[in-house]
Protein backbone atom coordinates (compact mmCIF):
# COMPACT_ATOMS: atom_id res chain seq x y z
CA MET A 1 127.53 188.98 233.38
CA ASP A 2 126.33 190.98 236.35
CA GLY A 3 123.03 189.63 237.62
CA ILE A 4 122.11 192.80 239.52
CA ALA A 5 118.86 194.43 238.42
CA GLN A 6 120.51 197.39 236.76
CA GLY A 7 118.59 200.64 236.47
CA THR A 8 115.89 199.95 239.09
CA GLU A 9 115.01 202.78 241.45
CA THR A 10 114.29 200.91 244.66
CA THR A 11 113.96 197.31 245.75
CA ALA A 12 110.22 198.01 246.24
CA SER A 13 109.64 199.13 242.65
CA PHE A 14 107.57 197.12 240.21
CA THR A 15 110.48 196.67 237.81
CA ALA A 16 112.82 195.48 240.56
CA ALA A 17 110.29 192.80 241.51
CA ALA A 18 109.78 191.88 237.85
CA TRP A 19 113.53 191.58 237.29
CA ASP A 20 113.81 189.41 240.40
CA ARG A 21 111.08 187.18 239.00
CA ILE A 22 113.07 186.52 235.79
CA LYS A 23 116.37 185.71 237.52
CA PRO A 24 116.16 182.03 236.44
CA ILE A 25 115.51 183.15 232.84
CA MET A 26 118.42 185.59 232.96
CA ALA A 27 120.71 182.85 234.25
CA GLU A 28 119.82 180.80 231.17
CA ILE A 29 120.27 183.80 228.85
CA GLU A 30 123.73 184.47 230.26
CA ARG A 31 124.72 180.88 229.45
CA LEU A 32 123.52 180.95 225.84
CA PRO A 33 126.25 179.74 223.46
CA LEU A 34 125.31 182.40 220.90
CA LEU A 35 126.10 185.22 223.34
CA GLU A 36 129.22 183.60 224.74
CA ARG A 37 130.68 183.04 221.29
CA LEU A 38 129.58 186.44 220.02
CA SER A 39 131.48 187.91 222.96
CA ASP A 40 134.72 186.06 222.17
CA GLY A 41 134.38 186.40 218.39
CA THR A 42 134.04 182.67 217.68
CA LEU A 43 130.36 182.62 216.67
CA PRO A 44 129.99 180.70 213.39
CA PRO A 45 129.16 183.13 210.54
CA GLU A 46 126.12 181.12 209.46
CA VAL A 47 124.64 181.46 212.96
CA PHE A 48 125.17 185.22 212.99
CA ARG A 49 123.66 185.52 209.51
CA HIS A 50 120.59 183.64 210.68
CA TYR A 51 120.35 185.84 213.79
CA ILE A 52 120.70 189.12 211.86
CA LEU A 53 118.04 188.15 209.32
CA GLN A 54 115.62 187.17 212.08
CA ASP A 55 116.45 190.31 214.02
CA ALA A 56 115.66 192.45 210.96
CA ILE A 57 112.22 190.81 210.83
CA TYR A 58 111.78 191.26 214.57
CA LEU A 59 112.71 194.97 214.52
CA LYS A 60 110.20 195.69 211.75
CA HIS A 61 107.42 194.42 214.02
CA TYR A 62 108.91 195.80 217.23
CA ALA A 63 108.90 199.29 215.71
CA ARG A 64 105.17 198.92 215.12
CA CYS A 65 104.67 197.79 218.72
CA LEU A 66 106.48 200.90 219.91
CA ALA A 67 104.23 203.06 217.74
CA ILE A 68 101.13 201.41 219.25
CA VAL A 69 102.49 202.00 222.75
CA ALA A 70 103.08 205.64 221.78
CA ALA A 71 99.45 205.95 220.68
CA LYS A 72 98.29 204.67 224.08
CA ALA A 73 100.68 206.84 226.12
CA PRO A 74 99.05 209.13 228.69
CA ASP A 75 100.92 212.34 227.80
CA ASN A 76 102.72 213.99 224.90
CA ALA A 77 106.18 213.44 226.37
CA GLN A 78 105.67 209.67 226.41
CA VAL A 79 104.07 209.73 222.96
CA LEU A 80 107.17 211.42 221.58
CA ARG A 81 109.47 209.13 223.54
CA PHE A 82 108.08 205.95 222.00
CA LEU A 83 107.65 207.40 218.54
CA GLY A 84 111.36 208.24 218.75
CA SER A 85 112.12 204.67 219.81
CA ALA A 86 110.14 203.33 216.88
CA GLN A 87 112.12 205.52 214.51
CA LYS A 88 115.41 204.33 216.03
CA ALA A 89 114.36 200.70 215.66
CA ILE A 90 113.91 201.32 211.95
CA THR A 91 116.89 203.57 211.27
CA VAL A 92 119.71 203.26 213.79
CA GLU A 93 119.58 199.53 214.42
CA GLN A 94 118.87 198.69 210.81
CA GLY A 95 121.91 200.79 209.98
CA LEU A 96 123.89 198.45 212.19
CA HIS A 97 122.35 195.53 210.32
CA ALA A 98 123.27 197.04 206.95
CA GLY A 99 126.95 196.92 207.86
CA PHE A 100 126.68 193.31 208.97
CA LEU A 101 124.65 192.33 205.91
CA THR A 102 127.48 193.53 203.69
CA GLN A 103 130.16 192.03 205.93
CA PHE A 104 128.53 188.60 206.01
CA GLY A 105 127.45 188.46 202.38
CA ILE A 106 123.72 188.86 202.86
CA SER A 107 121.94 190.41 199.89
CA SER A 108 118.91 192.71 199.95
CA ALA A 109 117.00 189.87 198.31
CA ASP A 110 117.90 187.62 201.25
CA VAL A 111 116.39 190.17 203.62
CA THR A 112 113.26 190.65 201.51
CA THR A 113 112.54 186.94 201.15
CA ALA A 114 113.49 185.87 204.69
CA GLU A 115 110.69 184.22 206.62
CA PRO A 116 110.35 184.46 210.39
CA SER A 117 111.42 181.42 212.33
CA PRO A 118 108.80 179.83 214.61
CA SER A 119 110.30 181.60 217.63
CA CYS A 120 110.51 184.96 215.87
CA LEU A 121 106.91 184.70 214.68
CA ALA A 122 105.66 183.69 218.12
CA TYR A 123 107.51 186.53 219.84
CA THR A 124 106.44 189.27 217.44
CA ASN A 125 102.82 188.03 217.43
CA PHE A 126 102.82 188.11 221.22
CA LEU A 127 104.15 191.67 221.27
CA LEU A 128 101.73 192.92 218.63
CA ALA A 129 98.72 191.26 220.27
CA THR A 130 99.67 192.63 223.68
CA ALA A 131 100.27 196.13 222.31
CA TYR A 132 96.93 196.14 220.45
CA HIS A 133 94.68 194.54 223.03
CA SER A 134 96.16 195.45 226.42
CA SER A 135 96.45 198.65 228.40
CA TYR A 136 99.36 201.04 228.06
CA ALA A 137 100.91 199.70 231.28
CA VAL A 138 100.73 196.06 230.19
CA ALA A 139 101.99 196.85 226.70
CA LEU A 140 104.87 198.79 228.22
CA SER A 141 105.79 195.78 230.36
CA ALA A 142 105.82 193.56 227.26
CA ILE A 143 108.23 195.77 225.31
CA LEU A 144 110.52 196.44 228.29
CA PRO A 145 112.51 193.17 228.27
CA CYS A 146 113.92 193.90 224.81
CA PHE A 147 115.34 197.19 226.10
CA TRP A 148 116.47 195.90 229.48
CA ILE A 149 117.86 192.48 228.59
CA TYR A 150 119.83 193.81 225.62
CA TRP A 151 121.26 196.52 227.89
CA HIS A 152 122.15 193.93 230.54
CA VAL A 153 123.73 191.59 227.98
CA GLY A 154 125.59 194.42 226.26
CA GLU A 155 126.99 195.68 229.56
CA GLY A 156 128.06 192.18 230.54
CA ILE A 157 129.89 191.55 227.29
CA LYS A 158 131.44 195.03 227.28
CA SER A 159 132.84 194.44 230.78
CA SER A 160 134.77 191.41 229.51
CA PRO A 161 138.23 191.92 227.98
CA ALA A 162 137.85 193.03 224.35
CA ILE A 163 138.93 190.48 221.75
CA GLU A 164 141.15 192.06 219.11
CA GLY A 165 139.64 191.67 215.66
CA ASN A 166 136.23 190.54 216.94
CA VAL A 167 134.01 190.84 213.86
CA PHE A 168 130.99 191.30 216.13
CA GLN A 169 132.42 194.32 217.98
CA ALA A 170 129.94 196.74 216.35
CA TRP A 171 127.07 194.73 217.87
CA ILE A 172 128.75 194.85 221.29
CA ASN A 173 129.35 198.59 220.96
CA THR A 174 125.70 199.25 220.07
CA TYR A 175 124.19 197.52 223.09
CA GLY A 176 126.96 198.52 225.47
CA ASP A 177 126.65 202.19 224.49
CA PRO A 178 125.75 204.71 227.26
CA GLN A 179 122.94 206.14 225.10
CA PHE A 180 121.33 202.70 224.83
CA ALA A 181 121.67 202.34 228.61
CA ALA A 182 120.01 205.72 229.15
CA GLY A 183 117.11 204.73 226.91
CA ALA A 184 116.63 201.47 228.80
CA ARG A 185 116.67 203.28 232.15
CA GLU A 186 114.01 205.69 230.89
CA VAL A 187 111.66 202.87 229.85
CA ILE A 188 112.24 201.16 233.21
CA ALA A 189 111.30 204.39 235.00
CA LEU A 190 108.19 204.89 232.84
CA THR A 191 107.11 201.32 233.59
CA ASP A 192 107.41 201.97 237.31
CA ILE A 193 105.31 205.14 236.94
CA ALA A 194 102.63 203.18 235.04
CA ALA A 195 102.68 200.42 237.67
CA ARG A 196 102.05 202.90 240.49
CA ALA A 197 98.84 204.01 238.75
CA ALA A 198 97.72 200.45 237.91
CA SER A 199 95.32 198.28 239.86
CA PRO A 200 96.63 195.12 241.56
CA ALA A 201 95.08 193.01 238.79
CA GLU A 202 96.70 195.14 236.10
CA ARG A 203 100.09 194.95 237.85
CA GLU A 204 99.79 191.18 237.81
CA GLN A 205 99.13 191.31 234.07
CA MET A 206 102.15 193.59 233.69
CA SER A 207 104.36 191.14 235.56
CA ASP A 208 103.11 188.20 233.49
CA ALA A 209 103.74 190.09 230.23
CA PHE A 210 107.26 190.98 231.37
CA VAL A 211 108.03 187.35 232.17
CA ARG A 212 106.59 186.03 228.91
CA ALA A 213 108.56 188.52 226.81
CA SER A 214 111.71 187.59 228.73
CA GLN A 215 111.10 183.92 227.93
CA TYR A 216 110.75 184.86 224.28
CA GLU A 217 114.07 186.73 224.44
CA TRP A 218 115.76 183.47 225.45
CA MET A 219 113.88 181.56 222.77
CA PHE A 220 114.86 184.06 220.08
CA TRP A 221 118.60 183.79 220.76
CA ASP A 222 118.46 180.04 221.30
CA SER A 223 116.56 179.56 218.02
CA ALA A 224 119.23 181.51 216.14
CA TRP A 225 121.94 179.31 217.62
CA ARG A 226 120.03 176.22 216.47
CA LEU A 227 119.39 177.75 213.01
CA GLU A 228 115.71 177.13 213.66
CA THR A 229 113.46 176.59 210.66
CA TRP A 230 109.93 175.30 210.26
CA PRO A 231 109.93 171.52 210.84
CA VAL A 232 107.35 170.77 208.14
């Protein structure tokens, strides 16, 4: 996968510096077995089932984070932008899940009774706490890695030769789609705008939130690969 900080405006921008800071994390994400085997179609079905169930839980909470960010936004355009993102998290991406749930034999009862893994719970709690208790700029930095890293991963997988009959192709198509890329670029740009208005201390908090969320992105995928459950 291409390690270039896609979508940044200038090398001096806040997001470019933040992306540079997570280069070691991105290198580990790009080596994750779950993503490599999803790309070539060899991911074990039980791993993908675990991932999709955890992702359904994650998206439910992520949509709420987006709504909180919308409530803190400084103007109506940004309010509408993040309310729209929250709606998409609930409808469009859960529509993708619905197809996979049927394809991989997951019932509605499985979804309803699924419990978050330790990594999923930690990540969503971090996002919700940051969205509730931090400024708009810091909250924006916490939700950005989900947009940006999925875009980066989707672009990387899409650039590889397509595997005929890959049962995970719909997932690849979703995150490699130009509309998803455009949405990620927009959130990157809004984060840079917020950073320009932030104090040095707030920008440091933004950078820390961006890094922490990026670490959780790695943990989330790695935990799915390991079929993580509660140890006791």
